[in-house]
Amino acid sequence: MTEFVMENCKVNPKGNLEFAGADTTELAGQYGTPLMLLDENKIREHAALYRDAMKKYFTPDSYPLYASKALSYKGIYRIMQQEGVGSDAVSCGEIYTAKAAGFDVGKMVFHGNNKTEEDLRYAVRVGIGRIVVDGPEELEELGKICTGLGVKQKIQIRITPGIDPHTHKAISTGRVDSKFGNAIATGQAEKITRAALKTEGVELMGFHCHVGSQIFETEPFINASAIMMSFIADMKKKTGFEAKELNLGGGFGVRYVKEHPYFDYEKAIEELSVKIKEQSASLNVKMPDIMLEPGRSMVAAAGITLYTVGSVKEIPEMKNYVSIDGGMTDNPRYALYQSQYEAVIANKAGQKADYVCSIAGRCCESGDLIAENIKLQKAKKGDILAVFVTGAYNYSMASNYNRLPRPAIVTVRDGHSEVAVRRESYEDLIKNDV
């Protein structure tokens, strides 16, 4: 029996790839390609796991915040609201999308190392739940805005704990030399905390940190929580302020290929809670409400992308290329940092995968690849190629490079499908041109 890296995929009696109960070749024929498919049940399952585990192991007011930079469209916010999950945003565009979907922005947290005055003003006006203040200039600006509007904005301060999670440098953000946050080791974290307590128009609720992404061990998160709890205790001793909230960010790993380990998210949350409770008792500080920001681990394994094979190029004794009708415009992750993927020829899913090739995109760019030296079933023009685990940082990082329209998103639930985001048209490409 053929096994795939995604548990919601299998070979159906026709020999085709089935995803979330639907035949992928039929979906490709119905909606066209490139096409992003999302398993709605899988997203809800992941949301419920985080929601329930955090209620179980942390305080009753602890909850997850979906990191919507992983995948942002109106429908995802409706799902998260229905599942009792908050969200974080890194732009006003994400906040606007959530608000347009009817999401309660009071359960949103707003991030960014360089929020503009317009960003801050917009977030405050719409009633954002928390603003994660990244530096002293932002704190000062936010205070002026809130005072002028006659409101009091709840904030968290982003702290740099100095943790190196041994992950890819481009997605490691907890080190002292990060562009994000205020380092404890340099004294900047204490300085901005004292400033926040004196700033009119804001109410300091607690602290935020984020050590990185795609981490398969709990140790970096446990180490970060220990540092943060010690900082909370130090600030209580020095200033009298005791943090009500501790936001530990996101970063739990996702299994993109079979070589990646399985990661038990609930067990990780439980282990993290044990350490935080121990710290709370030993440091004589109240157990704060905990927030986590899962993004990738919410949606990555809920998505696949379908393409149509346009050509197969064989260079004798050198290399084989399978060219598709998408590429770095809908999935730039391989071009950016050689992210690993597994794939299958969907209409030959039950056949042996022994054809070594590189999957090439259609852009006029030699680096436009999805994978290299991957084993597929022997492909030909017109076949449907499926790339697994593409729910996170694919559509959200998509572009119109080479003036190519972005693909549609179709959600699948119990074999039934519907369009969640329409495919862009050529008219869409020029709508802002003058």
Protein backbone atom coordinates (compact mmCIF):
# COMPACT_ATOMS: atom_id res chain seq x y z
CA MET A 1 0.00 0.00 0.00
CA THR A 2 1.36 3.42 -0.99
CA GLU A 3 2.04 5.65 2.02
CA PHE A 4 2.17 9.42 1.79
CA VAL A 5 3.60 12.01 4.16
CA MET A 6 0.03 13.31 4.68
CA GLU A 7 -2.45 11.06 6.49
CA ASN A 8 -5.41 12.60 4.65
CA CYS A 9 -4.09 11.31 1.30
CA LYS A 10 -4.46 7.86 -0.21
CA VAL A 11 -4.72 6.02 -3.51
CA ASN A 12 -8.34 5.48 -4.53
CA PRO A 13 -9.69 2.47 -6.47
CA LYS A 14 -9.04 4.31 -9.76
CA GLY A 15 -5.33 4.58 -8.87
CA ASN A 16 -5.60 8.33 -8.41
CA LEU A 17 -4.57 10.43 -5.44
CA GLU A 18 -7.45 11.07 -3.05
CA PHE A 19 -7.29 14.07 -0.72
CA ALA A 20 -9.77 14.66 2.11
CA GLY A 21 -12.16 12.23 0.45
CA ALA A 22 -11.99 13.78 -3.03
CA ASP A 23 -10.25 12.62 -6.22
CA THR A 24 -7.56 15.20 -6.96
CA THR A 25 -7.62 14.59 -10.70
CA GLU A 26 -11.33 15.38 -10.76
CA LEU A 27 -10.74 18.56 -8.74
CA ALA A 28 -8.00 19.59 -11.18
CA GLY A 29 -10.42 19.08 -14.05
CA GLN A 30 -13.20 20.99 -12.30
CA TYR A 31 -11.24 24.00 -11.05
CA GLY A 32 -8.12 24.07 -13.23
CA THR A 33 -4.48 24.26 -12.18
CA PRO A 34 -2.40 25.47 -10.44
CA LEU A 35 -4.80 24.79 -7.59
CA MET A 36 -4.39 24.92 -3.83
CA LEU A 37 -6.54 22.48 -1.88
CA LEU A 38 -7.24 22.77 1.85
CA ASP A 39 -8.66 20.04 4.06
CA GLU A 40 -11.07 22.01 6.26
CA ASN A 41 -11.54 19.15 8.73
CA LYS A 42 -7.78 18.96 9.26
CA ILE A 43 -7.56 22.70 9.98
CA ARG A 44 -10.40 22.41 12.49
CA GLU A 45 -8.76 19.38 14.06
CA HIS A 46 -5.49 21.25 14.60
CA ALA A 47 -7.30 24.32 15.94
CA ALA A 48 -9.25 22.20 18.43
CA LEU A 49 -6.09 20.40 19.54
CA TYR A 50 -4.36 23.65 20.46
CA ARG A 51 -7.49 25.17 22.00
CA ASP A 52 -8.26 22.17 24.21
CA ALA A 53 -4.67 21.42 25.22
CA MET A 54 -4.04 24.99 26.30
CA LYS A 55 -7.21 25.08 28.39
CA LYS A 56 -6.24 21.75 29.93
CA TYR A 57 -2.61 22.47 30.80
CA PHE A 58 -2.46 26.24 31.29
CA THR A 59 -4.82 28.75 32.92
CA PRO A 60 -8.50 28.86 31.85
CA ASP A 61 -7.89 32.15 30.01
CA SER A 62 -4.98 30.79 27.97
CA TYR A 63 -5.61 30.31 24.27
CA PRO A 64 -3.91 29.91 20.88
CA LEU A 65 -3.53 32.69 18.33
CA TYR A 66 -3.47 31.50 14.73
CA ALA A 67 -0.44 33.09 13.05
CA SER A 68 -2.24 34.26 9.95
CA LYS A 69 0.91 35.17 8.04
CA ALA A 70 1.04 31.43 7.28
CA LEU A 71 -2.19 31.67 5.26
CA SER A 72 -4.54 34.63 5.26
CA TYR A 73 -7.90 34.76 3.50
CA LYS A 74 -11.38 35.52 4.80
CA GLY A 75 -12.44 31.91 5.22
CA ILE A 76 -9.56 30.96 7.51
CA TYR A 77 -10.62 33.60 10.04
CA ARG A 78 -14.19 32.29 10.02
CA ILE A 79 -12.90 28.81 10.79
CA MET A 80 -10.69 30.05 13.63
CA GLN A 81 -13.51 32.08 15.17
CA GLN A 82 -15.85 29.09 15.02
CA GLU A 83 -13.19 26.96 16.72
CA GLY A 84 -12.59 29.47 19.52
CA VAL A 85 -9.10 30.42 18.38
CA GLY A 86 -7.68 33.95 18.32
CA SER A 87 -5.25 35.23 15.70
CA ASP A 88 -2.12 37.25 15.31
CA ALA A 89 -1.48 39.70 12.52
CA VAL A 90 1.67 41.22 11.11
CA SER A 91 0.02 43.83 8.89
CA CYS A 92 -3.08 45.95 8.64
CA GLY A 93 -3.93 43.94 5.54
CA GLU A 94 -4.33 40.84 7.71
CA ILE A 95 -6.35 42.80 10.27
CA TYR A 96 -8.58 44.19 7.50
CA THR A 97 -9.13 40.71 6.05
CA ALA A 98 -10.06 39.31 9.44
CA LYS A 99 -12.40 42.19 10.17
CA ALA A 100 -14.06 41.81 6.76
CA ALA A 101 -14.67 38.16 7.59
CA GLY A 102 -16.46 39.11 10.81
CA PHE A 103 -13.59 37.99 13.05
CA ASP A 104 -13.46 39.50 16.55
CA VAL A 105 -10.32 41.64 16.29
CA GLY A 106 -10.42 41.98 20.06
CA LYS A 107 -8.88 38.50 20.03
CA MET A 108 -6.10 39.57 17.68
CA VAL A 109 -2.50 40.45 18.50
CA PHE A 110 -0.65 42.84 16.20
CA HIS A 111 3.07 42.28 15.51
CA GLY A 112 5.79 44.00 13.51
CA ASN A 113 9.22 45.49 13.99
CA ASN A 114 8.39 48.65 12.02
CA LYS A 115 4.71 49.47 12.40
CA THR A 116 3.96 52.84 10.84
CA GLU A 117 1.95 55.55 12.53
CA GLU A 118 -0.90 54.69 10.16
CA ASP A 119 -0.63 51.01 11.15
CA LEU A 120 -0.84 51.79 14.84
CA ARG A 121 -3.68 54.26 14.42
CA TYR A 122 -5.71 51.80 12.34
CA ALA A 123 -5.16 48.94 14.81
CA VAL A 124 -6.21 51.09 17.76
CA ARG A 125 -9.28 52.45 15.96
CA VAL A 126 -10.62 48.99 15.05
CA GLY A 127 -10.16 47.75 18.62
CA ILE A 128 -7.24 45.34 18.26
CA GLY A 129 -6.85 43.14 21.33
CA ARG A 130 -3.12 43.54 21.89
CA ILE A 131 -0.30 45.38 20.21
CA VAL A 132 3.07 43.74 20.65
CA VAL A 133 5.40 46.71 21.04
CA ASP A 134 8.72 46.05 19.36
CA GLY A 135 10.78 49.05 20.48
CA PRO A 136 10.87 52.34 22.39
CA GLU A 137 10.04 54.56 19.40
CA GLU A 138 6.93 52.52 18.71
CA LEU A 139 5.94 52.72 22.37
CA GLU A 140 6.25 56.49 22.35
CA GLU A 141 4.27 56.82 19.10
CA LEU A 142 1.55 54.47 20.33
CA GLY A 143 1.22 56.40 23.58
CA LYS A 144 0.67 59.65 21.69
CA ILE A 145 -1.93 58.06 19.40
CA CYS A 146 -3.88 56.50 22.27
CA THR A 147 -3.78 59.66 24.35
CA GLY A 148 -5.03 61.67 21.39
CA LEU A 149 -7.88 59.22 20.79
CA GLY A 150 -8.72 59.01 24.47
CA VAL A 151 -8.30 55.24 24.65
CA LYS A 152 -6.13 52.82 26.60
CA GLN A 153 -4.53 50.14 24.44
CA LYS A 154 -3.47 46.82 25.95
CA ILE A 155 0.07 45.87 24.94
CA GLN A 156 2.70 43.19 25.26
CA ILE A 157 6.40 43.94 24.87
CA ARG A 158 8.45 41.77 22.55
CA ILE A 159 11.47 40.36 24.35
CA THR A 160 14.52 38.73 22.81
CA PRO A 161 15.45 35.84 25.12
CA GLY A 162 18.73 34.97 23.38
CA ILE A 163 17.76 31.44 22.31
CA ASP A 164 19.27 29.81 19.21
CA PRO A 165 16.88 27.00 18.26
CA HIS A 166 19.37 25.46 15.79
CA THR A 167 16.96 25.98 12.94
CA HIS A 168 17.35 27.72 9.58
CA LYS A 169 18.92 31.14 10.12
CA ALA A 170 16.26 32.90 8.05
CA ILE A 171 13.50 31.72 10.39
CA SER A 172 15.37 32.03 13.70
CA THR A 173 14.20 35.11 15.57
CA GLY A 174 14.97 34.58 19.25
CA ARG A 175 18.66 35.50 19.24
CA VAL A 176 20.06 38.70 20.70
CA ASP A 177 21.08 40.00 17.26
CA SER A 178 17.56 39.64 15.84
CA LYS A 179 15.82 42.61 14.23
CA PHE A 180 12.87 41.83 16.50
CA GLY A 181 12.34 42.78 20.11
CA ASN A 182 14.32 43.97 23.11
CA ALA A 183 17.15 41.87 24.47
CA ILE A 184 17.24 40.94 28.14
CA ALA A 185 21.03 40.55 28.08
CA THR A 186 21.63 44.15 26.96
CA GLY A 187 19.25 45.70 29.49
CA GLN A 188 16.94 46.97 26.74
CA ALA A 189 14.07 44.73 27.86
CA GLU A 190 14.08 46.20 31.35
CA LYS A 191 14.39 49.74 30.02
CA ILE A 192 11.35 49.47 27.73
CA THR A 193 9.33 47.75 30.46
CA ARG A 194 9.93 50.68 32.79
CA ALA A 195 9.05 53.09 29.99
CA ALA A 196 5.81 51.24 29.22
CA LEU A 197 4.70 51.43 32.84
CA LYS A 198 5.03 55.22 32.64
CA THR A 199 3.48 55.70 29.19
CA GLU A 200 -0.01 57.15 29.14
CA GLY A 201 -2.53 55.56 26.84
CA VAL A 202 -1.23 52.00 27.14
CA GLU A 203 -1.73 49.15 29.61
CA LEU A 204 1.10 46.64 29.85
CA MET A 205 -0.35 43.13 30.06
CA GLY A 206 2.82 41.08 29.72
CA PHE A 207 5.55 39.94 27.41
CA HIS A 208 6.05 38.18 24.10
CA CYS A 209 8.91 36.16 22.64
CA HIS A 210 9.43 33.94 19.62
CA VAL A 211 12.48 31.72 19.23
CA GLY A 212 12.04 30.55 15.63
CA SER A 213 10.15 28.23 13.32
CA GLN A 214 10.10 24.59 12.22
CA ILE A 215 11.48 23.34 15.55
CA PHE A 216 11.00 19.65 16.41
CA GLU A 217 12.24 19.76 20.01
CA THR A 218 10.52 21.20 23.07
CA GLU A 219 13.83 22.22 24.70
CA PRO A 220 14.17 25.64 22.96
CA PHE A 221 10.61 26.57 24.04
CA ILE A 222 11.20 25.33 27.60
CA ASN A 223 14.46 27.29 27.79
CA ALA A 224 12.75 30.40 26.45
CA SER A 225 9.88 30.07 28.94
CA ALA A 226 12.37 29.74 31.80
CA ILE A 227 14.15 32.91 30.72
CA MET A 228 10.87 34.76 30.31
CA MET A 229 9.52 33.65 33.69
CA SER A 230 12.77 34.76 35.32
CA PHE A 231 12.40 38.12 33.58
CA ILE A 232 8.81 38.40 34.85
CA ALA A 233 10.04 37.71 38.37
CA ASP A 234 12.86 40.25 37.99
CA MET A 235 10.46 42.95 36.79
CA LYS A 236 8.11 42.20 39.70
CA LYS A 237 10.98 42.63 42.13
CA LYS A 238 12.34 45.81 40.52
CA THR A 239 9.15 47.60 39.47
CA GLY A 240 6.25 45.92 41.24
CA PHE A 241 4.70 44.98 37.88
CA GLU A 242 3.65 41.33 37.62
CA ALA A 243 2.86 40.18 34.08
CA LYS A 244 -0.63 38.80 33.55
CA GLU A 245 0.22 37.36 30.13
CA LEU A 246 3.11 35.48 28.57
CA ASN A 247 3.00 34.99 24.81
CA LEU A 248 5.54 32.36 23.75
CA GLY A 249 5.03 32.72 20.00
CA GLY A 250 4.96 29.80 17.62
CA GLY A 251 7.46 27.57 15.89
CA PHE A 252 6.48 23.91 16.37
CA GLY A 253 7.75 21.84 13.45
CA VAL A 254 5.79 20.29 10.60
CA ARG A 255 6.58 17.03 8.83
CA TYR A 256 7.16 17.97 5.18
CA VAL A 257 8.95 14.75 4.20
CA LYS A 258 9.01 11.26 5.69
CA GLU A 259 12.49 11.85 7.11
CA HIS A 260 11.11 14.58 9.36
CA PRO A 261 10.07 13.34 12.82
CA TYR A 262 6.52 13.19 14.07
CA PHE A 263 5.83 15.95 16.60
CA ASP A 264 3.25 15.57 19.35
CA TYR A 265 1.86 19.09 19.81
CA GLU A 266 -0.27 18.25 22.85
CA LYS A 267 2.65 16.54 24.60
CA ALA A 268 4.84 19.57 23.89
CA ILE A 269 2.20 21.87 25.40
CA GLU A 270 1.96 19.63 28.47
CA GLU A 271 5.75 19.57 28.94
CA LEU A 272 5.88 23.33 28.55
CA SER A 273 3.14 23.80 31.13
CA VAL A 274 4.95 21.66 33.69
CA LYS A 275 8.07 23.82 33.44
CA ILE A 276 6.17 27.10 33.56
CA LYS A 277 4.22 25.99 36.63
CA GLU A 278 7.47 24.95 38.32
CA GLN A 279 8.97 28.35 37.51
CA SER A 280 5.88 30.14 38.74
CA ALA A 281 6.11 28.39 42.11
CA SER A 282 9.87 28.68 42.55
CA LEU A 283 10.00 32.35 41.53
CA ASN A 284 6.92 33.31 43.54
CA VAL A 285 5.03 34.84 40.62
CA LYS A 286 1.47 34.18 39.54
CA MET A 287 0.97 31.76 36.69
CA PRO A 288 0.37 34.04 33.69
CA ASP A 289 -2.19 33.39 31.00
CA ILE A 290 -0.30 31.75 28.17
CA MET A 291 -0.63 32.48 24.47
CA LEU A 292 0.90 30.45 21.67
CA GLU A 293 0.98 31.42 17.99
CA PRO A 294 0.77 28.30 15.82
CA GLY A 295 0.61 29.07 12.11
CA ARG A 296 2.49 26.48 10.10
CA SER A 297 1.39 23.64 12.39
CA MET A 298 -2.25 24.72 11.97
CA VAL A 299 -2.44 24.72 8.18
CA ALA A 300 0.65 23.28 6.47
CA ALA A 301 -0.43 19.64 6.58
CA ALA A 302 -3.96 20.64 5.58
CA GLY A 303 -2.88 21.73 2.11
CA ILE A 304 -1.67 20.33 -1.19
CA THR A 305 -1.09 22.02 -4.53
CA LEU A 306 -2.03 20.56 -7.91
CA TYR A 307 -0.25 21.36 -11.18
CA THR A 308 -0.49 20.18 -14.76
CA VAL A 309 2.66 18.79 -16.35
CA GLY A 310 3.53 20.72 -19.50
CA SER A 311 6.68 18.93 -20.62
CA VAL A 312 9.34 16.44 -19.62
CA LYS A 313 12.93 17.26 -20.58
CA GLU A 314 15.59 14.55 -20.36
CA ILE A 315 19.27 15.49 -20.67
CA PRO A 316 21.13 12.18 -21.20
CA GLU A 317 23.35 11.15 -18.30
CA MET A 318 22.72 14.48 -16.60
CA LYS A 319 19.28 15.51 -15.43
CA ASN A 320 15.54 15.19 -15.99
CA TYR A 321 13.06 18.06 -15.67
CA VAL A 322 9.31 17.80 -15.17
CA SER A 323 7.88 21.24 -15.96
CA ILE A 324 4.60 22.42 -14.42
CA ASP A 325 2.18 25.30 -14.89
CA GLY A 326 3.07 26.92 -11.57
CA GLY A 327 6.25 27.28 -9.55
CA MET A 328 7.93 29.98 -7.49
CA THR A 329 4.99 32.34 -8.03
CA ASP A 330 2.73 30.13 -5.91
CA ASN A 331 5.46 28.42 -3.87
CA PRO A 332 8.72 30.35 -3.49
CA ARG A 333 9.98 28.34 -0.49
CA TYR A 334 12.37 26.10 -2.40
CA ALA A 335 13.83 29.04 -4.29
CA LEU A 336 14.25 30.97 -1.04
CA TYR A 337 15.66 28.32 1.27
CA GLN A 338 15.57 24.92 -0.42
CA SER A 339 12.59 23.68 1.54
CA GLN A 340 11.97 19.97 1.14
CA TYR A 341 8.79 18.59 -0.38
CA GLU A 342 7.34 15.28 -1.48
CA ALA A 343 5.20 14.97 -4.58
CA VAL A 344 3.32 12.43 -6.68
CA ILE A 345 1.82 12.16 -10.14
CA ALA A 346 -1.79 12.21 -8.97
CA ASN A 347 -3.23 10.19 -11.85
CA LYS A 348 -0.54 7.52 -11.34
CA ALA A 349 -0.44 7.60 -7.54
CA GLY A 350 -0.54 3.82 -7.15
CA GLN A 351 2.42 3.24 -9.46
CA LYS A 352 6.04 2.95 -8.42
CA ALA A 353 7.91 6.24 -8.03
CA ASP A 354 11.33 5.57 -9.53
CA TYR A 355 11.84 8.42 -12.00
CA VAL A 356 14.47 10.82 -10.63
CA CYS A 357 13.91 14.40 -11.73
CA SER A 358 13.66 18.05 -10.79
CA ILE A 359 10.29 19.79 -10.72
CA ALA A 360 10.63 23.01 -12.71
CA GLY A 361 8.29 25.97 -12.61
CA ARG A 362 7.19 28.05 -15.59
CA CYS A 363 8.89 31.33 -14.69
CA CYS A 364 11.68 32.81 -16.76
CA GLU A 365 14.10 32.15 -13.90
CA SER A 366 16.62 29.31 -13.65
CA GLY A 367 16.04 29.06 -9.92
CA ASP A 368 12.31 28.45 -10.35
CA LEU A 369 12.20 24.94 -8.93
CA ILE A 370 9.94 23.14 -6.47
CA ALA A 371 12.24 20.17 -5.84
CA GLU A 372 15.43 18.59 -7.15
CA ASN A 373 16.39 14.92 -7.45
CA ILE A 374 12.95 13.83 -6.34
CA LYS A 375 11.46 10.44 -7.26
CA LEU A 376 8.14 10.52 -9.13
CA GLN A 377 6.15 8.19 -11.31
CA LYS A 378 7.22 8.62 -14.96
CA ALA A 379 5.38 11.75 -16.07
CA LYS A 380 4.11 12.96 -19.42
CA LYS A 381 2.38 16.08 -20.71
CA GLY A 382 -1.11 16.47 -19.23
CA ASP A 383 -0.44 14.51 -16.02
CA ILE A 384 -1.44 16.08 -12.71
CA LEU A 385 1.34 16.65 -10.19
CA ALA A 386 0.46 17.00 -6.50
CA VAL A 387 2.89 18.59 -4.03
CA PHE A 388 2.22 17.76 -0.38
CA VAL A 389 2.14 19.94 2.74
CA THR A 390 1.70 23.30 1.04
CA GLY A 391 -0.92 24.87 3.31
CA ALA A 392 1.50 27.30 4.97
CA TYR A 393 3.67 30.01 3.43
CA ASN A 394 2.76 29.08 -0.13
CA TYR A 395 -0.30 31.09 -1.09
CA SER A 396 0.59 33.74 1.50
CA MET A 397 3.99 34.25 -0.16
CA ALA A 398 2.66 33.97 -3.71
CA SER A 399 3.39 36.72 -6.21
CA ASN A 400 2.56 37.89 -9.71
CA TYR A 401 6.15 37.55 -10.91
CA ASN A 402 6.23 37.25 -14.71
CA ARG A 403 2.73 38.76 -14.53
CA LEU A 404 1.20 35.40 -13.63
CA PRO A 405 -2.16 35.27 -11.83
CA ARG A 406 -2.28 33.64 -8.42
CA PRO A 407 -4.12 30.30 -8.17
CA ALA A 408 -7.48 29.56 -6.61
CA ILE A 409 -7.95 28.08 -3.16
CA VAL A 410 -10.54 25.33 -2.86
CA THR A 411 -11.55 23.86 0.49
CA VAL A 412 -12.45 20.19 0.72
CA ARG A 413 -14.55 18.70 3.50
CA ASP A 414 -15.69 15.07 3.56
CA GLY A 415 -15.23 14.83 -0.20
CA HIS A 416 -17.16 18.02 -1.00
CA SER A 417 -15.37 21.05 -2.41
CA GLU A 418 -15.98 24.77 -2.77
CA VAL A 419 -14.02 27.82 -3.86
CA ALA A 420 -12.60 29.85 -0.97
CA VAL A 421 -10.47 32.24 -3.03
CA ARG A 422 -11.13 32.77 -6.72
CA ARG A 423 -8.35 32.39 -9.27
CA GLU A 424 -6.93 35.74 -10.31
CA SER A 425 -7.74 36.94 -13.81
CA TYR A 426 -5.66 39.00 -16.20
CA GLU A 427 -8.02 41.87 -15.38
CA ASP A 428 -7.00 41.52 -11.73
CA LEU A 429 -3.37 41.95 -12.74
CA ILE A 430 -3.97 45.39 -14.24
CA LYS A 431 -6.74 46.74 -11.99
CA ASN A 432 -4.38 49.16 -10.23
CA ASP A 433 -2.54 50.24 -13.35
CA VAL A 434 -3.20 53.79 -14.58
